[in-house]
Amino acid sequence: TIVVGFVALVLFVLWESFAKLKEPLVPMHLFRNRGWNAATIVSGLGASIYYAFAIVWPQMVVVLYSDDSRPMDGPWLSSLVGLCIVLGEIVGGFCAKSIGKLKYQCFVTLLIGGIFFACKLMFSVCVIFSTTFTDICPGVATCTPDTRARAAALVSFGVFFIGWTESLAITMVTLTAKDQTQLGSASGVAGSIRFLISSISATVYTVILTN
């Protein structure tokens, strides 16, 4: 289905680009807008990071951080990804205008989120590939099976800042459209690309975990 979908997408782009259409479904000039392209890609990457942790983190909680004596700990920990990314989007929405400089906000929040994930990521890789932490990851990440609170905090802060970034990127998708009469097209195409990127990413995560 991925191959068929890719071929259909290529044919669609060729049709929209070279067929003499009075009202094309996708204004292809959007793809010559560097600001719009950047905002669209960042929003897609933000969604991909969310799906990554929405898939991987609950499984890590079940394997590593669940406590049979406290059955609600696992569900609470698993909900941190969705809760914190939404909280980050809300805070980003309130703070974007007062802080200003949306492009630099995107850069800073993405960088901070990346730092938090870097402290967590290598341990996640070790867990996914069933490798002991001390074999290949000494000193690379700050989490171990015994640092549940630290792991939860890193994931929470990481997705919080990614949520902030994503809220900015989605806003910039419309602001960067050169023709403001095409806001619907700009946001609609960007949303479709965002879902395309995140769907491919979610498929990759799922296949890796399954195998």
C-alpha atoms as a PDB file:
ATOM      1  CA  THR A   1       0.000   0.000   0.000  1.00  0.00           C
ATOM      2  CA  ILE A   2       2.897   2.382   0.632  1.00  0.00           C
ATOM      3  CA  VAL A   3       4.290   1.774  -2.869  1.00  0.00           C
ATOM      4  CA  VAL A   4       0.886   2.151  -4.526  1.00  0.00           C
ATOM      5  CA  GLY A   5       0.203   5.284  -2.499  1.00  0.00           C
ATOM      6  CA  PHE A   6       3.569   6.765  -3.478  1.00  0.00           C
ATOM      7  CA  VAL A   7       2.982   6.083  -7.190  1.00  0.00           C
ATOM      8  CA  ALA A   8      -0.510   7.594  -6.969  1.00  0.00           C
ATOM      9  CA  LEU A   9       0.934  10.653  -5.213  1.00  0.00           C
ATOM     10  CA  VAL A  10       3.555  11.143  -7.941  1.00  0.00           C
ATOM     11  CA  LEU A  11       0.893  10.857 -10.647  1.00  0.00           C
ATOM     12  CA  PHE A  12      -1.293  13.336  -8.783  1.00  0.00           C
ATOM     13  CA  VAL A  13       1.548  15.875  -8.542  1.00  0.00           C
ATOM     14  CA  LEU A  14       2.312  15.491 -12.256  1.00  0.00           C
ATOM     15  CA  TRP A  15      -1.374  15.955 -13.103  1.00  0.00           C
ATOM     16  CA  GLU A  16      -1.672  19.060 -10.948  1.00  0.00           C
ATOM     17  CA  SER A  17       1.577  20.500 -12.343  1.00  0.00           C
ATOM     18  CA  PHE A  18       1.243  19.913 -16.066  1.00  0.00           C
ATOM     19  CA  ALA A  19      -2.457  19.509 -16.818  1.00  0.00           C
ATOM     20  CA  LYS A  20      -4.095  22.783 -17.778  1.00  0.00           C
ATOM     21  CA  LEU A  21      -6.588  22.956 -14.936  1.00  0.00           C
ATOM     22  CA  LYS A  22      -8.786  25.974 -14.309  1.00  0.00           C
ATOM     23  CA  GLU A  23      -8.995  25.249 -10.590  1.00  0.00           C
ATOM     24  CA  PRO A  24      -6.242  22.867  -9.412  1.00  0.00           C
ATOM     25  CA  LEU A  25      -6.885  21.045  -6.150  1.00  0.00           C
ATOM     26  CA  VAL A  26      -3.370  21.894  -4.926  1.00  0.00           C
ATOM     27  CA  PRO A  27      -1.744  25.248  -5.772  1.00  0.00           C
ATOM     28  CA  MET A  28       1.717  23.978  -6.726  1.00  0.00           C
ATOM     29  CA  HIS A  29       3.266  27.407  -6.174  1.00  0.00           C
ATOM     30  CA  LEU A  30       3.041  26.679  -2.439  1.00  0.00           C
ATOM     31  CA  PHE A  31       6.007  24.343  -2.814  1.00  0.00           C
ATOM     32  CA  ARG A  32       8.144  27.243  -4.028  1.00  0.00           C
ATOM     33  CA  ASN A  33       7.528  29.048  -0.734  1.00  0.00           C
ATOM     34  CA  ARG A  34      10.481  28.268   1.546  1.00  0.00           C
ATOM     35  CA  GLY A  35       8.778  29.477   4.721  1.00  0.00           C
ATOM     36  CA  TRP A  36       5.670  27.405   4.054  1.00  0.00           C
ATOM     37  CA  ASN A  37       7.771  24.325   3.256  1.00  0.00           C
ATOM     38  CA  ALA A  38       9.766  24.703   6.472  1.00  0.00           C
ATOM     39  CA  ALA A  39       6.654  25.159   8.623  1.00  0.00           C
ATOM     40  CA  THR A  40       4.969  22.170   6.982  1.00  0.00           C
ATOM     41  CA  ILE A  41       7.965  19.885   7.513  1.00  0.00           C
ATOM     42  CA  VAL A  42       8.383  20.989  11.136  1.00  0.00           C
ATOM     43  CA  SER A  43       4.705  20.313  11.848  1.00  0.00           C
ATOM     44  CA  GLY A  44       5.067  16.856  10.271  1.00  0.00           C
ATOM     45  CA  LEU A  45       8.163  16.083  12.320  1.00  0.00           C
ATOM     46  CA  GLY A  46       6.388  17.261  15.470  1.00  0.00           C
ATOM     47  CA  ALA A  47       3.518  14.882  14.783  1.00  0.00           C
ATOM     48  CA  SER A  48       6.018  12.092  14.064  1.00  0.00           C
ATOM     49  CA  ILE A  49       7.712  12.612  17.426  1.00  0.00           C
ATOM     50  CA  TYR A  50       4.337  12.507  19.142  1.00  0.00           C
ATOM     51  CA  TYR A  51       3.418   9.214  17.463  1.00  0.00           C
ATOM     52  CA  ALA A  52       6.855   7.794  18.257  1.00  0.00           C
ATOM     53  CA  PHE A  53       6.427   8.314  21.967  1.00  0.00           C
ATOM     54  CA  ALA A  54       2.720   7.482  21.904  1.00  0.00           C
ATOM     55  CA  ILE A  55       3.721   4.058  20.552  1.00  0.00           C
ATOM     56  CA  VAL A  56       7.026   3.396  22.331  1.00  0.00           C
ATOM     57  CA  TRP A  57       6.549   5.029  25.738  1.00  0.00           C
ATOM     58  CA  PRO A  58       3.462   3.044  26.889  1.00  0.00           C
ATOM     59  CA  GLN A  59       5.236  -0.202  25.995  1.00  0.00           C
ATOM     60  CA  MET A  60       8.296   0.890  27.948  1.00  0.00           C
ATOM     61  CA  VAL A  61       6.047   1.706  30.895  1.00  0.00           C
ATOM     62  CA  VAL A  62       4.493  -1.761  30.784  1.00  0.00           C
ATOM     63  CA  VAL A  63       7.858  -3.519  30.547  1.00  0.00           C
ATOM     64  CA  LEU A  64       9.960  -1.369  32.860  1.00  0.00           C
ATOM     65  CA  TYR A  65       8.000   1.004  35.032  1.00  0.00           C
ATOM     66  CA  SER A  66       4.763  -0.750  36.018  1.00  0.00           C
ATOM     67  CA  ASP A  67       4.265  -1.621  39.690  1.00  0.00           C
ATOM     68  CA  ASP A  68       1.847  -4.446  40.484  1.00  0.00           C
ATOM     69  CA  SER A  69       1.281  -3.023  43.953  1.00  0.00           C
ATOM     70  CA  ARG A  70       0.186   0.312  42.433  1.00  0.00           C
ATOM     71  CA  PRO A  71      -1.898  -0.581  39.359  1.00  0.00           C
ATOM     72  CA  MET A  72      -2.694   3.029  38.388  1.00  0.00           C
ATOM     73  CA  ASP A  73       0.948   4.060  38.023  1.00  0.00           C
ATOM     74  CA  GLY A  74       1.227   2.534  34.551  1.00  0.00           C
ATOM     75  CA  PRO A  75      -1.846   4.256  33.066  1.00  0.00           C
ATOM     76  CA  TRP A  76      -0.847   7.601  34.580  1.00  0.00           C
ATOM     77  CA  LEU A  77       2.666   7.365  33.182  1.00  0.00           C
ATOM     78  CA  SER A  78       1.381   6.261  29.773  1.00  0.00           C
ATOM     79  CA  SER A  79      -0.890   9.327  29.564  1.00  0.00           C
ATOM     80  CA  LEU A  80       1.996  11.780  29.978  1.00  0.00           C
ATOM     81  CA  VAL A  81       2.770  11.934  26.251  1.00  0.00           C
ATOM     82  CA  GLY A  82      -0.716  13.023  25.173  1.00  0.00           C
ATOM     83  CA  LEU A  83      -1.212  15.276  28.182  1.00  0.00           C
ATOM     84  CA  CYS A  84       2.076  17.162  27.881  1.00  0.00           C
ATOM     85  CA  ILE A  85       2.029  17.659  24.117  1.00  0.00           C
ATOM     86  CA  VAL A  86      -1.458  19.213  24.355  1.00  0.00           C
ATOM     87  CA  LEU A  87      -0.283  21.346  27.271  1.00  0.00           C
ATOM     88  CA  GLY A  88       2.681  22.503  25.193  1.00  0.00           C
ATOM     89  CA  GLU A  89       0.376  23.451  22.320  1.00  0.00           C
ATOM     90  CA  ILE A  90      -1.836  25.460  24.687  1.00  0.00           C
ATOM     91  CA  VAL A  91       1.097  27.288  26.300  1.00  0.00           C
ATOM     92  CA  GLY A  92       2.637  27.932  22.883  1.00  0.00           C
ATOM     93  CA  GLY A  93      -0.641  29.383  21.662  1.00  0.00           C
ATOM     94  CA  PHE A  94      -0.828  31.793  24.588  1.00  0.00           C
ATOM     95  CA  CYS A  95       2.853  32.792  24.536  1.00  0.00           C
ATOM     96  CA  ALA A  96       3.511  33.009  20.787  1.00  0.00           C
ATOM     97  CA  LYS A  97       2.264  36.547  20.290  1.00  0.00           C
ATOM     98  CA  SER A  98       3.691  38.025  23.491  1.00  0.00           C
ATOM     99  CA  ILE A  99       7.159  36.563  22.847  1.00  0.00           C
ATOM    100  CA  GLY A 100       7.128  37.152  19.084  1.00  0.00           C
ATOM    101  CA  LYS A 101       9.790  35.951  16.636  1.00  0.00           C
ATOM    102  CA  LEU A 102       7.935  32.755  15.739  1.00  0.00           C
ATOM    103  CA  LYS A 103      10.774  31.337  13.666  1.00  0.00           C
ATOM    104  CA  TYR A 104      13.235  31.651  16.537  1.00  0.00           C
ATOM    105  CA  GLN A 105      10.669  30.272  18.964  1.00  0.00           C
ATOM    106  CA  CYS A 106      10.414  27.196  16.734  1.00  0.00           C
ATOM    107  CA  PHE A 107      14.181  26.832  16.682  1.00  0.00           C
ATOM    108  CA  VAL A 108      14.610  27.204  20.448  1.00  0.00           C
ATOM    109  CA  THR A 109      11.699  24.982  21.478  1.00  0.00           C
ATOM    110  CA  LEU A 110      12.716  22.272  19.004  1.00  0.00           C
ATOM    111  CA  LEU A 111      16.286  22.436  20.316  1.00  0.00           C
ATOM    112  CA  ILE A 112      15.178  22.172  23.953  1.00  0.00           C
ATOM    113  CA  GLY A 113      12.855  19.274  23.142  1.00  0.00           C
ATOM    114  CA  GLY A 114      15.711  17.561  21.304  1.00  0.00           C
ATOM    115  CA  ILE A 115      17.979  17.905  24.330  1.00  0.00           C
ATOM    116  CA  PHE A 116      15.402  16.237  26.575  1.00  0.00           C
ATOM    117  CA  PHE A 117      14.896  13.444  24.067  1.00  0.00           C
ATOM    118  CA  ALA A 118      18.642  12.948  23.638  1.00  0.00           C
ATOM    119  CA  CYS A 119      18.865  12.213  27.353  1.00  0.00           C
ATOM    120  CA  LYS A 120      16.181   9.565  26.908  1.00  0.00           C
ATOM    121  CA  LEU A 121      16.585   8.272  23.362  1.00  0.00           C
ATOM    122  CA  MET A 122      19.567   5.937  23.556  1.00  0.00           C
ATOM    123  CA  PHE A 123      18.037   4.017  26.440  1.00  0.00           C
ATOM    124  CA  SER A 124      14.831   3.649  24.404  1.00  0.00           C
ATOM    125  CA  VAL A 125      16.877   2.225  21.514  1.00  0.00           C
ATOM    126  CA  CYS A 126      18.503  -0.267  23.885  1.00  0.00           C
ATOM    127  CA  VAL A 127      15.090  -1.374  25.150  1.00  0.00           C
ATOM    128  CA  ILE A 128      13.614  -1.701  21.640  1.00  0.00           C
ATOM    129  CA  PHE A 129      16.453  -3.943  20.468  1.00  0.00           C
ATOM    130  CA  SER A 130      16.507  -5.924  23.742  1.00  0.00           C
ATOM    131  CA  THR A 131      20.037  -4.854  24.562  1.00  0.00           C
ATOM    132  CA  THR A 132      21.283  -4.328  28.077  1.00  0.00           C
ATOM    133  CA  PHE A 133      21.869  -0.697  28.878  1.00  0.00           C
ATOM    134  CA  THR A 134      25.470  -1.158  29.974  1.00  0.00           C
ATOM    135  CA  ASP A 135      26.489  -3.060  26.838  1.00  0.00           C
ATOM    136  CA  ILE A 136      26.247  -0.267  24.277  1.00  0.00           C
ATOM    137  CA  CYS A 137      24.882   2.804  26.049  1.00  0.00           C
ATOM    138  CA  PRO A 138      27.206   3.610  28.957  1.00  0.00           C
ATOM    139  CA  GLY A 139      27.053   7.310  29.699  1.00  0.00           C
ATOM    140  CA  VAL A 140      25.071   8.122  26.572  1.00  0.00           C
ATOM    141  CA  ALA A 141      21.644   8.570  28.155  1.00  0.00           C
ATOM    142  CA  THR A 142      20.715   9.441  31.706  1.00  0.00           C
ATOM    143  CA  CYS A 143      17.956   6.854  32.237  1.00  0.00           C
ATOM    144  CA  THR A 144      18.038   3.282  33.432  1.00  0.00           C
ATOM    145  CA  PRO A 145      15.300   0.825  34.459  1.00  0.00           C
ATOM    146  CA  ASP A 146      15.619   2.245  37.968  1.00  0.00           C
ATOM    147  CA  THR A 147      15.045   5.915  37.063  1.00  0.00           C
ATOM    148  CA  ARG A 148      11.313   5.918  36.401  1.00  0.00           C
ATOM    149  CA  ALA A 149      10.739   9.473  37.619  1.00  0.00           C
ATOM    150  CA  ARG A 150      13.615  10.843  35.551  1.00  0.00           C
ATOM    151  CA  ALA A 151      12.457   9.054  32.411  1.00  0.00           C
ATOM    152  CA  ALA A 152       8.898  10.319  32.880  1.00  0.00           C
ATOM    153  CA  ALA A 153      10.145  13.879  33.436  1.00  0.00           C
ATOM    154  CA  LEU A 154      12.350  13.827  30.322  1.00  0.00           C
ATOM    155  CA  VAL A 155       9.551  12.487  28.145  1.00  0.00           C
ATOM    156  CA  SER A 156       7.078  14.993  29.588  1.00  0.00           C
ATOM    157  CA  PHE A 157       9.302  18.034  29.047  1.00  0.00           C
ATOM    158  CA  GLY A 158      10.381  16.798  25.629  1.00  0.00           C
ATOM    159  CA  VAL A 159       6.866  16.392  24.249  1.00  0.00           C
ATOM    160  CA  PHE A 160       5.817  19.642  25.958  1.00  0.00           C
ATOM    161  CA  PHE A 161       8.330  21.638  23.922  1.00  0.00           C
ATOM    162  CA  ILE A 162       7.548  19.666  20.764  1.00  0.00           C
ATOM    163  CA  GLY A 163       3.890  20.541  21.289  1.00  0.00           C
ATOM    164  CA  TRP A 164       4.899  24.193  21.596  1.00  0.00           C
ATOM    165  CA  THR A 165       6.890  23.911  18.357  1.00  0.00           C
ATOM    166  CA  GLU A 166       4.035  22.215  16.566  1.00  0.00           C
ATOM    167  CA  SER A 167       1.529  24.886  17.550  1.00  0.00           C
ATOM    168  CA  LEU A 168       3.879  27.540  16.147  1.00  0.00           C
ATOM    169  CA  ALA A 169       4.527  25.605  12.947  1.00  0.00           C
ATOM    170  CA  ILE A 170       0.835  25.038  12.268  1.00  0.00           C
ATOM    171  CA  THR A 171       0.213  28.762  12.750  1.00  0.00           C
ATOM    172  CA  MET A 172       3.111  29.697  10.466  1.00  0.00           C
ATOM    173  CA  VAL A 173       1.713  27.468   7.721  1.00  0.00           C
ATOM    174  CA  THR A 174      -1.040  30.043   7.193  1.00  0.00           C
ATOM    175  CA  LEU A 175       1.028  33.140   7.956  1.00  0.00           C
ATOM    176  CA  THR A 176       3.671  32.263   5.366  1.00  0.00           C
ATOM    177  CA  ALA A 177       1.151  31.859   2.531  1.00  0.00           C
ATOM    178  CA  LYS A 178       1.957  34.670   0.098  1.00  0.00           C
ATOM    179  CA  ASP A 179      -1.633  34.855  -1.129  1.00  0.00           C
ATOM    180  CA  GLN A 180      -3.783  35.195   1.977  1.00  0.00           C
ATOM    181  CA  THR A 181      -6.890  34.355  -0.031  1.00  0.00           C
ATOM    182  CA  GLN A 182      -5.548  30.778  -0.182  1.00  0.00           C
ATOM    183  CA  LEU A 183      -5.352  30.151   3.551  1.00  0.00           C
ATOM    184  CA  GLY A 184      -7.641  27.134   3.262  1.00  0.00           C
ATOM    185  CA  SER A 185      -5.528  25.556   0.536  1.00  0.00           C
ATOM    186  CA  ALA A 186      -2.263  26.322   2.348  1.00  0.00           C
ATOM    187  CA  SER A 187      -3.412  24.829   5.635  1.00  0.00           C
ATOM    188  CA  GLY A 188      -5.213  21.900   3.988  1.00  0.00           C
ATOM    189  CA  VAL A 189      -2.224  20.821   1.890  1.00  0.00           C
ATOM    190  CA  ALA A 190       0.095  21.281   4.874  1.00  0.00           C
ATOM    191  CA  GLY A 191      -2.211  19.141   7.003  1.00  0.00           C
ATOM    192  CA  SER A 192      -2.217  16.395   4.400  1.00  0.00           C
ATOM    193  CA  ILE A 193       1.591  16.421   4.201  1.00  0.00           C
ATOM    194  CA  ARG A 194       1.768  16.423   8.003  1.00  0.00           C
ATOM    195  CA  PHE A 195      -0.388  13.309   8.168  1.00  0.00           C
ATOM    196  CA  LEU A 196       1.629  11.706   5.361  1.00  0.00           C
ATOM    197  CA  ILE A 197       4.917  12.204   7.241  1.00  0.00           C
ATOM    198  CA  SER A 198       3.494  11.051  10.570  1.00  0.00           C
ATOM    199  CA  SER A 199       1.779   8.006   8.993  1.00  0.00           C
ATOM    200  CA  ILE A 200       5.035   6.836   7.432  1.00  0.00           C
ATOM    201  CA  SER A 201       6.829   7.401  10.737  1.00  0.00           C
ATOM    202  CA  ALA A 202       4.200   5.503  12.723  1.00  0.00           C
ATOM    203  CA  THR A 203       4.467   2.608  10.255  1.00  0.00           C
ATOM    204  CA  VAL A 204       8.244   2.527  10.678  1.00  0.00           C
ATOM    205  CA  TYR A 205       7.970   2.533  14.493  1.00  0.00           C
ATOM    206  CA  THR A 206       5.364  -0.213  14.478  1.00  0.00           C
ATOM    207  CA  VAL A 207       7.281  -2.456  12.093  1.00  0.00           C
ATOM    208  CA  ILE A 208      10.495  -2.095  14.127  1.00  0.00           C
ATOM    209  CA  LEU A 209       8.714  -2.918  17.378  1.00  0.00           C
ATOM    210  CA  THR A 210       6.812  -5.845  15.832  1.00  0.00           C
ATOM    211  CA  ASN A 211       9.980  -7.413  14.418  1.00  0.00           C
END
